[in-house]
N, C-alpha and C. Protein backbone atom coordinates (compact mmCIF):
# COMPACT_ATOMS: atom_id res chain seq x y z
N MET A 1 37.55 -10.68 -22.93
CA MET A 1 37.13 -11.80 -22.14
C MET A 1 36.25 -12.71 -23.01
N VAL A 2 36.63 -13.88 -23.05
CA VAL A 2 35.77 -15.00 -23.79
C VAL A 2 34.57 -15.24 -22.77
N VAL A 3 33.56 -15.22 -23.08
CA VAL A 3 32.14 -15.45 -22.25
C VAL A 3 31.50 -16.91 -22.61
N GLY A 4 31.91 -17.32 -23.52
CA GLY A 4 31.45 -18.73 -23.97
C GLY A 4 31.90 -19.30 -25.15
N GLU A 5 31.52 -20.40 -25.29
CA GLU A 5 31.88 -21.21 -26.55
C GLU A 5 30.84 -22.39 -26.88
N ALA A 6 30.69 -22.34 -28.04
CA ALA A 6 29.46 -23.14 -28.80
C ALA A 6 29.79 -23.88 -30.18
N CYS A 7 29.09 -25.28 -29.97
CA CYS A 7 29.45 -26.15 -31.06
C CYS A 7 28.84 -26.14 -32.15
N THR A 8 27.32 -25.76 -31.90
CA THR A 8 26.23 -25.60 -33.11
C THR A 8 25.73 -24.25 -33.11
N GLY A 9 25.11 -23.94 -34.36
CA GLY A 9 24.62 -22.78 -34.66
C GLY A 9 23.54 -22.55 -33.55
N LEU A 10 22.87 -23.21 -33.28
CA LEU A 10 21.70 -23.33 -32.19
C LEU A 10 22.00 -22.57 -30.78
N GLU A 11 23.43 -23.55 -30.42
CA GLU A 11 23.89 -23.12 -29.26
C GLU A 11 24.57 -21.62 -29.24
N VAL A 12 24.90 -21.30 -30.41
CA VAL A 12 25.58 -19.69 -30.50
C VAL A 12 24.41 -18.87 -30.23
N VAL A 13 23.43 -19.09 -30.98
CA VAL A 13 21.98 -18.52 -30.74
C VAL A 13 21.75 -18.17 -29.56
N ASP A 14 21.70 -19.50 -28.81
CA ASP A 14 21.16 -19.37 -27.30
C ASP A 14 21.90 -18.56 -26.39
N LEU A 15 23.28 -19.08 -26.84
CA LEU A 15 24.40 -18.41 -25.93
C LEU A 15 24.67 -16.80 -25.95
N THR A 16 24.41 -16.64 -26.87
CA THR A 16 24.24 -15.13 -27.42
C THR A 16 23.17 -14.24 -26.64
N GLU A 17 21.76 -14.63 -26.67
CA GLU A 17 20.92 -14.27 -26.14
C GLU A 17 21.13 -14.14 -24.53
N ARG A 18 21.72 -15.40 -24.15
CA ARG A 18 21.84 -15.12 -22.54
C ARG A 18 23.09 -14.46 -22.16
N GLU A 19 24.21 -14.37 -22.71
CA GLU A 19 25.28 -13.58 -22.39
C GLU A 19 25.63 -12.32 -23.16
N ARG A 20 24.75 -11.91 -24.23
CA ARG A 20 24.91 -10.68 -24.93
C ARG A 20 26.52 -10.18 -24.84
N PRO A 21 27.39 -10.98 -25.68
CA PRO A 21 28.59 -10.43 -26.03
C PRO A 21 28.63 -9.55 -27.01
N ASP A 22 29.62 -8.42 -27.12
CA ASP A 22 30.08 -7.52 -28.00
C ASP A 22 30.45 -8.10 -29.03
N VAL A 23 30.95 -9.03 -29.40
CA VAL A 23 31.49 -9.92 -30.69
C VAL A 23 31.20 -11.27 -30.56
N VAL A 24 30.60 -11.89 -31.72
CA VAL A 24 30.65 -13.08 -31.71
C VAL A 24 31.43 -13.71 -32.86
N LEU A 25 32.53 -14.44 -32.58
CA LEU A 25 33.18 -15.09 -33.76
C LEU A 25 32.60 -16.42 -34.42
N MET A 26 32.11 -16.19 -35.64
CA MET A 26 31.27 -17.34 -36.06
C MET A 26 31.95 -18.10 -37.12
N ASP A 27 31.60 -19.34 -37.05
CA ASP A 27 32.11 -20.32 -38.32
C ASP A 27 30.88 -20.38 -39.05
N VAL A 28 30.88 -20.80 -40.34
CA VAL A 28 29.81 -20.95 -41.36
C VAL A 28 29.28 -22.07 -41.20
N ARG A 29 30.37 -23.11 -41.26
CA ARG A 29 29.57 -24.46 -41.30
C ARG A 29 29.76 -25.24 -39.79
N MET A 30 28.40 -25.36 -39.38
CA MET A 30 28.28 -26.01 -37.94
C MET A 30 26.79 -26.99 -38.24
N PRO A 31 27.26 -27.99 -37.08
CA PRO A 31 25.77 -28.62 -37.02
C PRO A 31 24.47 -28.14 -36.64
N GLU A 32 23.27 -28.34 -36.85
CA GLU A 32 21.94 -27.90 -36.61
C GLU A 32 21.61 -26.73 -37.13
N MET A 33 22.38 -25.91 -37.33
CA MET A 33 21.97 -24.60 -37.87
C MET A 33 23.53 -23.94 -38.45
N ASP A 34 23.60 -23.58 -39.78
CA ASP A 34 24.86 -23.09 -40.27
C ASP A 34 25.09 -21.65 -39.58
N GLY A 35 26.18 -21.15 -39.82
CA GLY A 35 26.58 -19.73 -39.19
C GLY A 35 25.81 -18.76 -39.76
N ILE A 36 25.31 -18.73 -41.32
CA ILE A 36 24.71 -17.70 -41.72
C ILE A 36 23.23 -17.50 -40.83
N GLU A 37 22.50 -18.63 -40.87
CA GLU A 37 21.25 -18.70 -40.37
C GLU A 37 21.28 -18.11 -38.80
N ALA A 38 22.44 -18.70 -38.17
CA ALA A 38 22.51 -18.19 -36.76
C ALA A 38 22.82 -16.69 -36.58
N THR A 39 23.59 -16.25 -37.66
CA THR A 39 23.83 -14.85 -37.67
C THR A 39 22.49 -13.93 -37.79
N ARG A 40 21.97 -14.46 -38.95
CA ARG A 40 20.57 -13.89 -39.17
C ARG A 40 19.65 -13.91 -37.94
N ARG A 41 19.56 -15.08 -37.13
CA ARG A 41 18.67 -14.84 -36.12
C ARG A 41 19.16 -14.19 -34.78
N ILE A 42 20.51 -13.87 -34.88
CA ILE A 42 20.99 -13.14 -33.66
C ILE A 42 20.70 -11.66 -34.24
N CYS A 43 21.05 -11.02 -35.60
CA CYS A 43 20.92 -9.81 -35.73
C CYS A 43 19.59 -9.25 -35.87
N ARG A 44 18.45 -10.39 -35.87
CA ARG A 44 16.96 -10.03 -35.82
C ARG A 44 16.41 -9.98 -34.46
N SER A 45 17.27 -10.55 -33.66
CA SER A 45 16.72 -10.68 -32.15
C SER A 45 17.30 -9.46 -31.39
N PRO A 46 15.97 -8.80 -30.55
CA PRO A 46 16.50 -7.66 -29.66
C PRO A 46 17.40 -7.92 -28.87
N ALA A 47 17.94 -9.17 -28.52
CA ALA A 47 19.00 -9.58 -27.48
C ALA A 47 20.30 -9.41 -28.12
N GLY A 48 20.30 -9.49 -29.44
CA GLY A 48 21.59 -9.52 -30.12
C GLY A 48 21.64 -7.97 -30.95
N ALA A 49 20.91 -7.12 -30.52
CA ALA A 49 21.06 -5.80 -31.04
C ALA A 49 22.33 -5.03 -31.08
N GLY A 50 23.16 -5.52 -29.69
CA GLY A 50 24.34 -4.86 -29.48
C GLY A 50 25.74 -5.89 -29.93
N THR A 51 25.26 -6.71 -30.42
CA THR A 51 26.27 -7.93 -31.06
C THR A 51 26.66 -7.79 -32.27
N ARG A 52 28.10 -7.68 -32.36
CA ARG A 52 28.51 -7.65 -33.89
C ARG A 52 29.14 -9.06 -34.14
N ILE A 53 29.00 -9.68 -35.44
CA ILE A 53 29.24 -10.90 -35.78
C ILE A 53 30.60 -10.92 -36.61
N LEU A 54 31.43 -11.54 -36.32
CA LEU A 54 32.62 -11.46 -37.27
C LEU A 54 32.73 -13.12 -37.87
N ILE A 55 32.42 -13.30 -38.98
CA ILE A 55 32.55 -14.80 -39.70
C ILE A 55 34.29 -15.17 -39.90
N LEU A 56 34.54 -16.37 -39.27
CA LEU A 56 35.87 -16.93 -39.71
C LEU A 56 35.59 -18.11 -40.21
N THR A 57 35.84 -18.25 -41.62
CA THR A 57 35.59 -19.48 -42.12
C THR A 57 36.88 -19.87 -42.94
N MET A 58 37.02 -21.38 -43.62
CA MET A 58 38.08 -21.52 -44.39
C MET A 58 37.19 -21.55 -45.90
N PHE A 59 36.02 -21.55 -45.83
CA PHE A 59 35.53 -21.26 -47.37
C PHE A 59 35.41 -19.77 -47.76
N ASP A 60 36.29 -19.65 -48.88
CA ASP A 60 36.53 -18.44 -49.55
C ASP A 60 35.53 -18.42 -50.70
N LEU A 61 34.14 -18.35 -50.39
CA LEU A 61 33.26 -18.40 -51.66
C LEU A 61 32.36 -17.27 -51.46
N ASP A 62 32.21 -16.53 -52.79
CA ASP A 62 31.25 -15.37 -52.68
C ASP A 62 29.88 -15.70 -52.23
N ALA A 63 29.46 -16.82 -52.25
CA ALA A 63 27.92 -17.02 -51.78
C ALA A 63 28.10 -16.93 -50.42
N TYR A 64 28.82 -17.33 -49.64
CA TYR A 64 28.95 -17.42 -48.30
C TYR A 64 29.39 -15.76 -47.86
N VAL A 65 30.01 -15.25 -48.41
CA VAL A 65 30.46 -13.64 -48.32
C VAL A 65 29.16 -12.76 -48.39
N PHE A 66 28.39 -12.81 -49.47
CA PHE A 66 27.18 -12.09 -49.43
C PHE A 66 26.18 -12.57 -48.80
N ALA A 67 26.01 -13.88 -48.43
CA ALA A 67 24.98 -14.20 -47.68
C ALA A 67 24.97 -13.94 -46.08
N ALA A 68 26.53 -13.89 -45.78
CA ALA A 68 26.89 -13.55 -44.02
C ALA A 68 26.56 -11.98 -44.12
N LEU A 69 26.96 -11.15 -45.19
CA LEU A 69 26.63 -9.71 -45.24
C LEU A 69 25.41 -9.36 -45.12
N ARG A 70 24.37 -10.12 -45.81
CA ARG A 70 22.86 -9.77 -46.01
C ARG A 70 22.40 -10.27 -44.65
N ALA A 71 22.93 -11.11 -44.12
CA ALA A 71 22.56 -11.65 -42.77
C ALA A 71 22.66 -10.82 -41.50
N GLY A 72 24.00 -9.60 -41.84
CA GLY A 72 24.00 -9.03 -40.61
C GLY A 72 25.42 -8.92 -40.22
N ALA A 73 26.16 -9.85 -40.77
CA ALA A 73 27.70 -10.20 -40.27
C ALA A 73 28.29 -8.43 -40.29
N THR A 74 29.34 -8.41 -39.47
CA THR A 74 30.20 -7.21 -39.61
C THR A 74 31.42 -7.15 -40.09
N GLY A 75 31.76 -8.62 -40.24
CA GLY A 75 33.25 -8.98 -40.56
C GLY A 75 33.21 -10.33 -41.24
N PHE A 76 34.11 -10.67 -41.92
CA PHE A 76 34.22 -11.82 -42.80
C PHE A 76 35.86 -12.02 -42.81
N LEU A 77 36.44 -13.03 -42.49
CA LEU A 77 37.75 -13.53 -42.24
C LEU A 77 37.94 -14.78 -42.73
N LEU A 78 39.18 -15.19 -43.32
CA LEU A 78 39.56 -16.74 -43.67
C LEU A 78 40.07 -17.12 -42.52
N LYS A 79 40.30 -18.56 -42.39
CA LYS A 79 40.95 -19.24 -41.25
C LYS A 79 42.42 -19.15 -41.33
N ASP A 80 43.07 -18.88 -42.58
CA ASP A 80 44.24 -18.71 -42.60
C ASP A 80 44.74 -17.22 -42.12
N THR A 81 43.98 -16.45 -41.46
CA THR A 81 44.23 -15.30 -41.08
C THR A 81 44.97 -15.74 -39.66
N THR A 82 46.18 -14.87 -39.17
CA THR A 82 46.98 -14.89 -38.36
C THR A 82 45.91 -14.82 -36.83
N PRO A 83 46.59 -15.50 -35.85
CA PRO A 83 45.90 -15.06 -34.47
C PRO A 83 45.96 -13.46 -34.06
N LEU A 84 47.05 -12.77 -34.47
CA LEU A 84 47.08 -11.74 -34.09
C LEU A 84 46.09 -10.75 -34.98
N GLU A 85 45.86 -11.17 -36.08
CA GLU A 85 45.03 -10.37 -37.00
C GLU A 85 43.53 -10.53 -36.86
N VAL A 86 43.47 -11.61 -36.31
CA VAL A 86 41.77 -12.19 -35.86
C VAL A 86 41.72 -11.26 -34.56
N LEU A 87 42.57 -11.19 -33.62
CA LEU A 87 42.52 -10.16 -32.06
C LEU A 87 42.05 -8.93 -32.82
N ARG A 88 42.82 -8.00 -33.80
CA ARG A 88 42.87 -6.80 -34.26
C ARG A 88 41.45 -6.88 -34.72
N ALA A 89 41.00 -7.80 -35.60
CA ALA A 89 39.47 -7.58 -36.24
C ALA A 89 38.66 -7.83 -35.42
N VAL A 90 38.76 -8.65 -34.24
CA VAL A 90 37.33 -8.44 -33.29
C VAL A 90 37.45 -7.06 -32.71
N GLU A 91 38.77 -6.47 -32.55
CA GLU A 91 38.60 -5.03 -31.85
C GLU A 91 38.08 -4.00 -32.68
N VAL A 92 38.24 -4.35 -34.16
CA VAL A 92 37.76 -3.28 -35.28
C VAL A 92 36.37 -3.45 -35.22
N VAL A 93 35.70 -4.38 -35.14
CA VAL A 93 34.17 -4.66 -35.19
C VAL A 93 33.60 -4.50 -33.96
N ALA A 94 34.08 -4.79 -32.63
CA ALA A 94 33.71 -4.26 -31.47
C ALA A 94 33.40 -2.62 -31.41
N GLY A 95 34.56 -1.99 -32.07
CA GLY A 95 34.59 -0.61 -32.24
C GLY A 95 33.49 -0.19 -33.39
N GLY A 96 32.65 -0.90 -33.88
CA GLY A 96 31.56 -0.37 -35.05
C GLY A 96 31.85 -0.35 -36.39
N GLU A 97 33.07 -0.78 -36.70
CA GLU A 97 33.48 -1.06 -38.01
C GLU A 97 33.40 -2.09 -38.86
N ALA A 98 33.21 -2.01 -39.87
CA ALA A 98 33.20 -3.44 -40.79
C ALA A 98 34.70 -3.72 -41.25
N LEU A 99 34.76 -4.95 -41.46
CA LEU A 99 36.02 -5.66 -41.49
C LEU A 99 35.91 -6.79 -42.91
N LEU A 100 36.56 -7.02 -43.85
CA LEU A 100 36.49 -8.05 -44.57
C LEU A 100 37.98 -8.46 -45.26
N ALA A 101 38.18 -9.59 -45.11
CA ALA A 101 39.54 -9.97 -45.67
C ALA A 101 40.03 -9.49 -46.97
N PRO A 102 41.30 -8.96 -47.23
CA PRO A 102 41.54 -8.23 -48.44
C PRO A 102 41.17 -8.55 -49.78
N GLY A 103 41.27 -10.11 -49.66
CA GLY A 103 40.91 -10.83 -51.06
C GLY A 103 39.15 -10.61 -51.37
N VAL A 104 38.32 -10.82 -50.26
CA VAL A 104 37.12 -10.63 -50.31
C VAL A 104 36.74 -9.27 -50.66
N THR A 105 37.18 -8.49 -49.90
CA THR A 105 36.94 -6.87 -50.37
C THR A 105 37.08 -6.54 -51.84
N ARG A 106 38.44 -6.98 -52.41
CA ARG A 106 38.43 -6.77 -53.91
C ARG A 106 37.34 -7.54 -54.54
N ARG A 107 36.78 -8.82 -54.30
CA ARG A 107 35.95 -9.47 -55.18
C ARG A 107 34.55 -8.67 -54.81
N LEU A 108 34.24 -8.39 -53.63
CA LEU A 108 32.92 -7.61 -53.68
C LEU A 108 33.03 -6.24 -54.29
N ILE A 109 34.10 -5.53 -54.42
CA ILE A 109 33.93 -4.35 -55.07
C ILE A 109 33.82 -4.78 -56.55
N ASP A 110 34.58 -5.71 -56.94
CA ASP A 110 34.61 -6.15 -58.51
C ASP A 110 33.03 -6.72 -58.91
N GLU A 111 32.37 -7.25 -57.74
CA GLU A 111 30.87 -7.76 -57.96
C GLU A 111 30.18 -6.48 -58.27
N PHE A 112 30.40 -5.35 -57.29
CA PHE A 112 29.52 -4.24 -57.63
C PHE A 112 29.52 -3.25 -58.70
N ALA A 113 31.00 -3.38 -59.23
CA ALA A 113 31.28 -2.74 -60.36
C ALA A 113 30.74 -3.78 -61.79
N ARG A 114 30.84 -4.89 -61.65
CA ARG A 114 30.10 -5.88 -62.75
C ARG A 114 28.62 -5.62 -62.95
N VAL A 115 28.22 -5.45 -61.97
CA VAL A 115 26.54 -5.70 -61.90
C VAL A 115 26.24 -4.28 -62.49
N PRO A 116 25.21 -4.51 -63.22
CA PRO A 116 24.58 -2.93 -63.73
C PRO A 116 23.73 -2.34 -62.48
N PRO A 117 23.69 -1.05 -62.62
CA PRO A 117 23.02 -0.32 -61.35
C PRO A 117 21.56 -0.62 -61.47
N PRO A 118 20.59 -0.90 -60.43
CA PRO A 118 19.39 -1.14 -60.50
C PRO A 118 18.57 0.13 -61.37
N GLU A 119 17.46 -0.41 -61.95
CA GLU A 119 16.60 0.43 -62.19
C GLU A 119 15.55 0.95 -61.51
N THR A 120 15.92 1.43 -59.98
CA THR A 120 14.89 2.03 -59.06
C THR A 120 15.14 3.03 -58.79
N THR A 121 14.16 3.69 -57.97
CA THR A 121 14.34 5.04 -57.69
C THR A 121 14.74 4.88 -56.28
N PRO A 122 15.13 5.81 -55.60
CA PRO A 122 15.51 5.87 -54.16
C PRO A 122 14.18 5.35 -53.37
N SER A 123 14.73 4.64 -52.35
CA SER A 123 13.55 4.19 -51.33
C SER A 123 12.73 5.32 -50.78
N ALA A 124 11.80 5.03 -50.07
CA ALA A 124 11.19 5.94 -49.17
C ALA A 124 11.95 6.28 -47.93
N GLU A 125 12.75 5.35 -47.38
CA GLU A 125 13.64 5.43 -46.42
C GLU A 125 14.78 6.27 -46.50
N LEU A 126 15.15 6.45 -47.83
CA LEU A 126 16.23 7.40 -48.19
C LEU A 126 15.63 8.91 -48.15
N ALA A 127 14.31 8.90 -48.63
CA ALA A 127 13.87 10.27 -48.41
C ALA A 127 13.56 10.84 -46.88
N THR A 128 13.76 9.85 -46.15
CA THR A 128 13.67 10.40 -44.79
C THR A 128 15.01 11.00 -44.04
N LEU A 129 15.95 10.86 -44.72
CA LEU A 129 17.40 11.13 -44.46
C LEU A 129 17.80 12.54 -44.74
N THR A 130 18.32 13.21 -43.55
CA THR A 130 18.66 14.67 -43.94
C THR A 130 19.94 14.81 -44.84
N ALA A 131 20.08 15.89 -45.03
CA ALA A 131 21.29 16.14 -46.23
C ALA A 131 22.55 15.64 -45.59
N ARG A 132 22.79 15.94 -44.22
CA ARG A 132 24.05 15.44 -43.75
C ARG A 132 24.16 13.93 -43.52
N GLU A 133 23.00 13.10 -43.54
CA GLU A 133 22.93 11.66 -43.13
C GLU A 133 23.11 11.14 -44.62
N ARG A 134 22.89 11.76 -45.52
CA ARG A 134 23.18 11.29 -46.94
C ARG A 134 24.67 11.19 -47.33
N GLU A 135 25.02 12.59 -46.82
CA GLU A 135 26.70 12.65 -47.16
C GLU A 135 27.37 11.53 -46.36
N VAL A 136 26.76 11.41 -45.10
CA VAL A 136 27.69 10.55 -44.39
C VAL A 136 27.49 9.23 -44.82
N LEU A 137 26.41 8.60 -45.40
CA LEU A 137 26.19 7.42 -46.05
C LEU A 137 26.90 7.09 -47.35
N VAL A 138 27.15 8.19 -47.96
CA VAL A 138 27.88 8.00 -49.03
C VAL A 138 29.18 7.83 -49.06
N LEU A 139 29.55 8.59 -47.67
CA LEU A 139 31.31 8.34 -47.52
C LEU A 139 31.45 7.00 -46.80
N VAL A 140 30.48 6.53 -46.27
CA VAL A 140 30.57 5.22 -45.60
C VAL A 140 30.56 3.99 -46.69
N ALA A 141 29.69 4.34 -47.67
CA ALA A 141 29.78 3.47 -48.90
C ALA A 141 30.95 3.49 -49.41
N ARG A 142 31.67 4.56 -49.60
CA ARG A 142 32.88 4.70 -50.39
C ARG A 142 34.22 4.04 -49.28
N GLY A 143 33.60 3.65 -48.17
CA GLY A 143 34.90 2.91 -47.58
C GLY A 143 35.46 3.81 -46.36
N PHE A 144 34.86 4.85 -46.20
CA PHE A 144 35.56 5.63 -45.25
C PHE A 144 35.18 5.11 -43.70
N THR A 145 36.34 5.23 -42.94
CA THR A 145 35.62 4.82 -41.21
C THR A 145 35.07 6.14 -40.79
N ASN A 146 34.54 5.79 -39.33
CA ASN A 146 34.24 7.20 -38.52
C ASN A 146 35.13 7.97 -38.49
N ALA A 147 36.08 7.85 -38.12
CA ALA A 147 37.58 8.82 -37.95
C ALA A 147 37.73 9.30 -39.14
N ALA A 148 37.78 8.77 -40.40
CA ALA A 148 37.88 9.63 -41.91
C ALA A 148 36.57 10.44 -41.99
N VAL A 149 35.54 9.84 -42.07
CA VAL A 149 34.35 10.72 -42.05
C VAL A 149 34.49 11.90 -41.01
N SER A 150 34.99 11.74 -39.82
CA SER A 150 35.20 12.96 -38.97
C SER A 150 35.72 13.89 -39.73
N ASP A 151 36.97 13.74 -40.10
CA ASP A 151 37.86 14.48 -40.76
C ASP A 151 37.61 15.06 -42.01
N HIS A 152 36.94 14.18 -43.00
CA HIS A 152 36.40 14.75 -43.88
C HIS A 152 35.30 15.83 -43.86
N LEU A 153 34.45 15.46 -42.97
CA LEU A 153 33.12 16.51 -42.83
C LEU A 153 33.68 17.61 -41.68
N ASN A 154 34.83 17.69 -40.98
CA ASN A 154 35.08 18.39 -39.94
C ASN A 154 34.14 18.47 -38.79
N VAL A 155 33.66 17.08 -38.56
CA VAL A 155 32.82 17.06 -37.22
C VAL A 155 33.42 16.04 -36.27
N SER A 156 32.98 16.20 -35.17
CA SER A 156 33.57 15.18 -34.00
C SER A 156 33.17 13.65 -34.38
N PRO A 157 34.11 12.77 -33.89
CA PRO A 157 33.84 11.38 -33.98
C PRO A 157 32.43 11.07 -33.60
N THR A 158 31.94 11.69 -32.43
CA THR A 158 30.84 11.47 -31.62
C THR A 158 29.54 11.80 -32.57
N THR A 159 29.70 13.00 -33.28
CA THR A 159 28.49 13.35 -34.31
C THR A 159 28.69 12.25 -35.47
N VAL A 160 29.63 11.68 -35.81
CA VAL A 160 29.70 10.76 -36.94
C VAL A 160 28.93 9.49 -36.48
N LYS A 161 29.01 9.00 -35.39
CA LYS A 161 28.72 7.91 -34.82
C LYS A 161 26.92 8.28 -34.68
N THR A 162 26.79 9.18 -34.25
CA THR A 162 25.14 9.50 -33.98
C THR A 162 24.33 9.52 -35.26
N HIS A 163 25.14 10.03 -36.56
CA HIS A 163 24.64 9.88 -37.73
C HIS A 163 24.46 8.53 -38.31
N VAL A 164 25.63 7.85 -38.00
CA VAL A 164 25.62 6.23 -38.54
C VAL A 164 24.43 5.74 -37.76
N GLY A 165 24.45 5.69 -36.35
CA GLY A 165 23.38 5.12 -35.61
C GLY A 165 21.94 5.58 -36.25
N HIS A 166 21.66 6.82 -36.69
CA HIS A 166 20.46 7.20 -37.29
C HIS A 166 20.25 6.64 -38.61
N LEU A 167 21.39 6.51 -39.18
CA LEU A 167 21.12 5.92 -40.50
C LEU A 167 20.86 4.35 -40.36
N LEU A 168 21.62 3.64 -39.49
CA LEU A 168 20.86 2.19 -39.14
C LEU A 168 19.85 2.02 -38.69
N SER A 169 19.26 2.87 -37.96
CA SER A 169 17.54 2.96 -37.80
C SER A 169 16.67 3.18 -38.78
N LYS A 170 16.97 4.62 -39.44
CA LYS A 170 16.04 4.80 -40.65
C LYS A 170 16.04 4.03 -41.65
N LEU A 171 17.27 3.38 -41.87
CA LEU A 171 17.17 2.41 -42.96
C LEU A 171 16.85 0.87 -42.85
N ASP A 172 16.49 0.67 -41.40
CA ASP A 172 16.37 -0.64 -41.10
C ASP A 172 17.40 -1.91 -41.23
N VAL A 173 18.51 -1.53 -41.09
CA VAL A 173 19.54 -2.35 -41.34
C VAL A 173 20.62 -2.43 -39.85
N GLN A 174 21.36 -3.59 -39.61
CA GLN A 174 22.14 -3.61 -38.58
C GLN A 174 23.35 -3.23 -38.72
N THR A 175 24.02 -3.34 -39.84
CA THR A 175 25.50 -3.30 -39.95
C THR A 175 25.98 -2.04 -40.91
N ARG A 176 27.39 -1.76 -41.11
CA ARG A 176 27.82 -0.81 -41.95
C ARG A 176 27.79 -1.45 -43.47
N ALA A 177 27.93 -2.81 -43.55
CA ALA A 177 28.33 -3.48 -44.62
C ALA A 177 26.80 -3.13 -45.23
N GLN A 178 25.70 -3.42 -44.65
CA GLN A 178 24.32 -3.26 -44.81
C GLN A 178 24.13 -1.95 -45.39
N LEU A 179 24.50 -0.79 -44.75
CA LEU A 179 24.49 0.40 -45.31
C LEU A 179 25.25 0.69 -46.50
N VAL A 180 26.28 0.01 -46.87
CA VAL A 180 26.93 0.16 -48.18
C VAL A 180 25.90 -0.69 -49.27
N MET A 181 25.37 -1.54 -49.04
CA MET A 181 24.84 -2.17 -49.87
C MET A 181 23.41 -1.38 -50.29
N VAL A 182 22.80 -0.73 -49.05
CA VAL A 182 21.60 0.06 -49.57
C VAL A 182 22.07 1.14 -50.32
N ALA A 183 23.19 1.85 -50.03
CA ALA A 183 23.69 2.99 -50.92
C ALA A 183 23.85 2.49 -52.33
N TYR A 184 24.37 1.65 -52.50
CA TYR A 184 24.59 1.00 -53.99
C TYR A 184 23.34 0.58 -54.59
N GLU A 185 22.70 -0.18 -53.75
CA GLU A 185 21.24 -0.87 -54.42
C GLU A 185 20.16 0.20 -54.74
N SER A 186 20.31 1.24 -54.03
CA SER A 186 19.41 2.69 -54.26
C SER A 186 19.79 3.42 -55.36
N GLY A 187 21.13 3.45 -55.46
CA GLY A 187 21.60 4.28 -56.67
C GLY A 187 22.04 5.80 -56.06
N LEU A 188 22.05 5.71 -54.77
CA LEU A 188 22.78 6.76 -54.04
C LEU A 188 24.08 7.22 -54.40
N VAL A 189 24.76 5.95 -54.67
CA VAL A 189 26.44 5.86 -55.04
C VAL A 189 26.36 4.93 -56.28
N GLU A 190 26.91 5.48 -57.19
CA GLU A 190 27.06 4.49 -58.52
C GLU A 190 28.24 3.66 -58.69
N ARG A 191 28.13 2.63 -59.18
CA ARG A 191 28.98 1.87 -59.40
C ARG A 191 30.25 2.28 -60.23
N ARG A 192 31.26 2.07 -60.08
CA ARG A 192 32.43 2.73 -61.19
C ARG A 192 32.43 1.50 -61.89
N SER A 193 32.54 1.94 -63.63
CA SER A 193 32.98 1.04 -64.50
C SER A 193 34.29 0.53 -64.41
N ARG A 194 34.53 -0.96 -64.92
CA ARG A 194 36.06 -1.40 -64.75
C ARG A 194 36.34 -1.14 -66.04
N ARG A 195 37.68 -0.78 -66.13
CA ARG A 195 38.36 -0.48 -67.30
C ARG A 195 39.43 -1.51 -67.61
């Protein structure tokens, strides 16, 4: 069910705070405030805590992809995506999964493989994770869905969802995509070299 429509970034933020939708379908370029900043404000607001943001744009630029993910977006699609694919994407992100357009996913993986690993030690937040939470974080970073993690670890989907919730809270992030970034940036998951 559609609960609202907005024309500007400020309107999206206000409408989201008022209506608290499960999913916001966000454009990148809007008047008054762009979609990246609107995403950032929604994700940092207590009123936006349960809202997932799916970016839908015609701009296939890495800068937008990375900025959207860092701002807290759960998914990123291009406007040439069919209406049925957009509907499926909304269902996927509403279910708590991350979703990226296939070409965007390939470039994101290539970028992680290209950039040398950071010269940092694991963060203090990683030290607070249990062994099982670390295991779940590694699998999420490798692209496993909750169902796949459940099968791999032979635990219930509810248990996986609980672990993912703990990871989001302990690592102070809002989305699975941000969990992936933490796992790679901390060195918990190593980038594979390209050949």
